[in-house]
Structures are given as C-alpha cells and as structure tokens.
Amino acid sequence: MRTYRVCGQVPPPCDTDRGNEIIPGDRATGQLTSGSGGAAAGVITHTTDPSLSPEGPVKIVLHPSTDSISVNEYTFCGTKAPVGHCGA
C-alpha cells in the first residue's frame, strides 16, 4: 500500500513514481487462517513498513454495498465505491 513518502526524499520504504503511475512502497505477506460470511482472519508475517502494516493478527472484511474491503483499520475501494468513501 502507499506510504505517502517519496523515494529519493526519504529512505525506504517509500513510494516510487513511474511515469503517471505510483508504485506503493509497503508490502505485507501472511496467511489467512479462517473465513466466513465475507470476513477472513489471519496473520501478517512480514512487512516492509511495520508502522503502516504491523506484523500480527489481521482481519479482512468485504463490504459489497460500498465496493470496498477493510483490512484492520484501512479501507480499500473498488471502482464502484461511492465518491468520497475512500477519501478521493
């Protein structure tokens, strides 16, 4: 996900510009261990930016009515999300 820190101005992890595309600088990996009814739980086992995506438990919830998912305290929107739902 985005760090909102620009590579070249700060040390990694940071976001990179490639033309008109922003390459997010935070990467997290882990494993989902359970799921039911539009929600899943698991654990983040490695992250490049612990301040944004700390290692430990993770809960992911699908919100079809807003075309979004929430991952712990963050919300990510799809293309059909209501205007302003994810801050844009």
Protein backbone atom coordinates (compact mmCIF):
# COMPACT_ATOMS: atom_id res chain seq x y z
CA MET A 1 0.00 0.00 0.00
CA ARG A 2 1.03 3.63 -0.28
CA THR A 3 3.44 5.02 2.28
CA TYR A 4 2.96 8.63 1.09
CA ARG A 5 6.74 9.07 1.37
CA VAL A 6 8.62 9.75 -1.87
CA CYS A 7 11.71 7.67 -2.70
CA GLY A 8 14.73 9.91 -3.19
CA GLN A 9 13.46 12.27 -0.48
CA VAL A 10 13.37 9.70 2.33
CA PRO A 11 14.88 6.24 2.85
CA PRO A 12 12.79 3.14 2.03
CA PRO A 13 10.12 2.05 2.45
CA CYS A 14 8.78 4.73 0.14
CA ASP A 15 6.59 5.13 -2.95
CA THR A 16 8.15 5.29 -6.43
CA ASP A 17 6.90 7.28 -9.43
CA ARG A 18 6.96 5.60 -12.83
CA GLY A 19 5.51 7.99 -15.40
CA ASN A 20 1.94 8.67 -14.25
CA GLU A 21 1.90 5.60 -12.00
CA ILE A 22 2.70 5.49 -8.29
CA ILE A 23 4.25 2.22 -7.11
CA PRO A 24 3.29 1.68 -3.45
CA GLY A 25 6.25 1.08 -1.13
CA ASP A 26 4.69 -1.02 1.63
CA ARG A 27 4.39 -4.77 1.12
CA ALA A 28 2.94 -7.23 3.62
CA THR A 29 2.71 -11.01 3.44
CA GLY A 30 0.98 -13.51 5.63
CA GLN A 31 -1.62 -16.22 5.76
CA LEU A 32 -5.39 -16.26 6.12
CA THR A 33 -6.45 -18.95 8.57
CA SER A 34 -10.25 -18.68 8.64
CA GLY A 35 -13.10 -17.12 6.74
CA SER A 36 -16.88 -16.90 6.85
CA GLY A 37 -19.63 -14.60 5.61
CA GLY A 38 -17.49 -12.04 3.84
CA ALA A 39 -14.79 -11.88 6.51
CA ALA A 40 -11.41 -13.55 6.88
CA ALA A 41 -8.85 -13.64 9.65
CA GLY A 42 -5.17 -14.44 9.64
CA VAL A 43 -1.75 -13.11 10.43
CA ILE A 44 0.73 -10.75 8.77
CA THR A 45 4.12 -12.47 8.99
CA HIS A 46 6.35 -9.95 7.17
CA THR A 47 6.03 -6.28 6.29
CA THR A 48 8.28 -3.63 4.76
CA ASP A 49 6.69 -0.87 6.88
CA PRO A 50 5.62 -2.00 10.37
CA SER A 51 4.20 1.45 11.14
CA LEU A 52 1.58 1.00 8.37
CA SER A 53 1.03 -2.75 8.33
CA PRO A 54 2.37 -4.26 11.55
CA GLU A 55 3.08 -7.97 11.90
CA GLY A 56 0.38 -9.82 13.81
CA PRO A 57 -3.34 -10.51 13.52
CA VAL A 58 -5.26 -9.25 10.51
CA LYS A 59 -8.99 -9.15 9.78
CA ILE A 60 -10.31 -8.55 6.27
CA VAL A 61 -13.98 -7.72 5.69
CA LEU A 62 -15.75 -7.41 2.33
CA HIS A 63 -18.36 -4.62 2.03
CA PRO A 64 -20.24 -5.32 -1.24
CA SER A 65 -22.63 -2.37 -0.77
CA THR A 66 -19.70 0.10 -0.93
CA ASP A 67 -17.43 -1.96 -3.23
CA SER A 68 -14.73 -1.91 -0.57
CA ILE A 69 -12.77 -4.06 1.82
CA SER A 70 -11.41 -3.18 5.22
CA VAL A 71 -8.10 -4.56 6.41
CA ASN A 72 -7.73 -3.85 10.10
CA GLU A 73 -8.26 -0.05 10.22
CA TYR A 74 -7.68 0.66 6.50
CA THR A 75 -10.34 0.75 3.77
CA PHE A 76 -9.62 -0.02 0.13
CA CYS A 77 -12.16 0.85 -2.56
CA GLY A 78 -13.07 -0.70 -5.87
CA THR A 79 -14.06 1.22 -8.97
CA LYS A 80 -17.77 1.30 -8.00
CA ALA A 81 -17.25 2.72 -4.49
CA PRO A 82 -19.25 5.86 -3.64
CA VAL A 83 -17.43 9.15 -4.20
CA GLY A 84 -15.53 10.11 -1.06
CA HIS A 85 -15.81 6.68 0.58
CA CYS A 86 -12.04 6.16 0.47
CA GLY A 87 -11.10 9.81 0.69
CA ALA A 88 -10.99 10.62 -3.02
